[in-house]
């Protein structure tokens, strides 16, 4: 499989993503990843925290709405 960074180029790799809710928190741009999930039929809410690098989870955990969303998810 050919990769673009960490994003698989083949959309078949993302088929299972279309039925799950997704939130992406990043400190560096991840537009290719988000586009690939959307192209595969998935829905993703993307938040980028400039200047946090790999440590974006600290900012994500500070968002009360994000934690509420996470805990509300159920397998269908």
C-alpha atoms as a PDB file:
ATOM      1  CA  UNK A   1       0.000   0.000   0.000  1.00  0.00           C
ATOM      2  CA  UNK A   2       1.289   3.418  -0.867  1.00  0.00           C
ATOM      3  CA  UNK A   3       1.208   5.986   1.931  1.00  0.00           C
ATOM      4  CA  UNK A   4       1.062   9.751   1.920  1.00  0.00           C
ATOM      5  CA  UNK A   5       2.672  10.506   5.254  1.00  0.00           C
ATOM      6  CA  UNK A   6       0.558   8.370   7.544  1.00  0.00           C
ATOM      7  CA  UNK A   7      -2.554   8.531   5.368  1.00  0.00           C
ATOM      8  CA  UNK A   8      -3.264   5.566   3.155  1.00  0.00           C
ATOM      9  CA  UNK A   9      -3.828   6.549  -0.432  1.00  0.00           C
ATOM     10  CA  UNK A  10      -6.356   3.783  -1.134  1.00  0.00           C
ATOM     11  CA  UNK A  11      -9.853   4.740  -0.017  1.00  0.00           C
ATOM     12  CA  UNK A  12     -10.702   1.090   0.633  1.00  0.00           C
ATOM     13  CA  UNK A  13      -8.559   1.400   3.757  1.00  0.00           C
ATOM     14  CA  UNK A  14     -11.144   3.827   5.171  1.00  0.00           C
ATOM     15  CA  UNK A  15     -14.382   1.921   4.455  1.00  0.00           C
ATOM     16  CA  UNK A  16     -14.953   0.994   8.092  1.00  0.00           C
ATOM     17  CA  UNK A  17     -14.756   4.675   9.079  1.00  0.00           C
ATOM     18  CA  UNK A  18     -18.023   5.668   7.461  1.00  0.00           C
ATOM     19  CA  UNK A  19     -20.195   4.287  10.251  1.00  0.00           C
ATOM     20  CA  UNK A  20     -18.366   5.794  13.222  1.00  0.00           C
ATOM     21  CA  UNK A  21     -18.297   9.332  14.548  1.00  0.00           C
ATOM     22  CA  UNK A  22     -14.860  10.940  14.528  1.00  0.00           C
ATOM     23  CA  UNK A  23     -13.156  13.832  16.239  1.00  0.00           C
ATOM     24  CA  UNK A  24      -9.585  14.683  15.339  1.00  0.00           C
ATOM     25  CA  UNK A  25      -7.416  16.879  17.548  1.00  0.00           C
ATOM     26  CA  UNK A  26      -4.050  17.777  16.091  1.00  0.00           C
ATOM     27  CA  UNK A  27      -1.166  20.110  16.717  1.00  0.00           C
ATOM     28  CA  UNK A  28      -0.015  19.838  13.123  1.00  0.00           C
ATOM     29  CA  UNK A  29      -2.119  19.954   9.942  1.00  0.00           C
ATOM     30  CA  UNK A  30      -3.958  16.740   9.104  1.00  0.00           C
ATOM     31  CA  UNK A  31      -5.995  17.858   6.121  1.00  0.00           C
ATOM     32  CA  UNK A  32      -5.114  14.796   4.019  1.00  0.00           C
ATOM     33  CA  UNK A  33      -6.304  12.467   6.782  1.00  0.00           C
ATOM     34  CA  UNK A  34      -9.553  14.402   7.243  1.00  0.00           C
ATOM     35  CA  UNK A  35     -10.174  14.509   3.492  1.00  0.00           C
ATOM     36  CA  UNK A  36      -9.582  10.761   3.210  1.00  0.00           C
ATOM     37  CA  UNK A  37     -12.105   9.988   5.963  1.00  0.00           C
ATOM     38  CA  UNK A  38     -14.688  12.288   4.344  1.00  0.00           C
ATOM     39  CA  UNK A  39     -14.064  10.824   0.877  1.00  0.00           C
ATOM     40  CA  UNK A  40     -14.704   7.361   2.324  1.00  0.00           C
ATOM     41  CA  UNK A  41     -18.085   8.574   3.575  1.00  0.00           C
ATOM     42  CA  UNK A  42     -17.066   9.262   7.159  1.00  0.00           C
ATOM     43  CA  UNK A  43     -17.885  12.322   9.211  1.00  0.00           C
ATOM     44  CA  UNK A  44     -15.137  13.998  11.176  1.00  0.00           C
ATOM     45  CA  UNK A  45     -14.942  17.113  13.297  1.00  0.00           C
ATOM     46  CA  UNK A  46     -11.408  18.462  13.106  1.00  0.00           C
ATOM     47  CA  UNK A  47      -9.724  20.775  15.618  1.00  0.00           C
ATOM     48  CA  UNK A  48      -6.167  21.992  15.180  1.00  0.00           C
ATOM     49  CA  UNK A  49      -4.212  23.569  18.030  1.00  0.00           C
ATOM     50  CA  UNK A  50      -1.427  25.619  16.503  1.00  0.00           C
ATOM     51  CA  UNK A  51       1.928  25.282  18.186  1.00  0.00           C
ATOM     52  CA  UNK A  52       1.146  22.205  20.282  1.00  0.00           C
ATOM     53  CA  UNK A  53       2.975  19.745  18.049  1.00  0.00           C
ATOM     54  CA  UNK A  54       2.329  16.144  19.053  1.00  0.00           C
ATOM     55  CA  UNK A  55       0.900  17.170  22.449  1.00  0.00           C
ATOM     56  CA  UNK A  56      -2.578  18.165  21.254  1.00  0.00           C
ATOM     57  CA  UNK A  57      -4.363  15.904  23.757  1.00  0.00           C
ATOM     58  CA  UNK A  58      -3.792  18.336  26.649  1.00  0.00           C
ATOM     59  CA  UNK A  59      -5.812  21.010  24.831  1.00  0.00           C
ATOM     60  CA  UNK A  60      -8.412  18.459  23.715  1.00  0.00           C
ATOM     61  CA  UNK A  61      -8.959  17.231  27.284  1.00  0.00           C
ATOM     62  CA  UNK A  62      -9.493  20.836  28.407  1.00  0.00           C
ATOM     63  CA  UNK A  63     -12.567  21.071  26.165  1.00  0.00           C
ATOM     64  CA  UNK A  64     -15.541  20.025  28.271  1.00  0.00           C
ATOM     65  CA  UNK A  65     -17.740  19.678  25.187  1.00  0.00           C
ATOM     66  CA  UNK A  66     -15.270  17.249  23.595  1.00  0.00           C
ATOM     67  CA  UNK A  67     -15.233  15.018  26.685  1.00  0.00           C
ATOM     68  CA  UNK A  68     -19.038  15.120  26.835  1.00  0.00           C
ATOM     69  CA  UNK A  69     -19.154  14.132  23.150  1.00  0.00           C
ATOM     70  CA  UNK A  70     -16.670  11.306  23.697  1.00  0.00           C
ATOM     71  CA  UNK A  71     -18.604   9.834  26.615  1.00  0.00           C
ATOM     72  CA  UNK A  72     -21.891  10.034  24.683  1.00  0.00           C
ATOM     73  CA  UNK A  73     -20.682   7.743  21.873  1.00  0.00           C
ATOM     74  CA  UNK A  74     -22.201   4.283  21.611  1.00  0.00           C
ATOM     75  CA  UNK A  75     -21.532   1.424  19.253  1.00  0.00           C
ATOM     76  CA  UNK A  76     -24.363   1.015  16.752  1.00  0.00           C
END
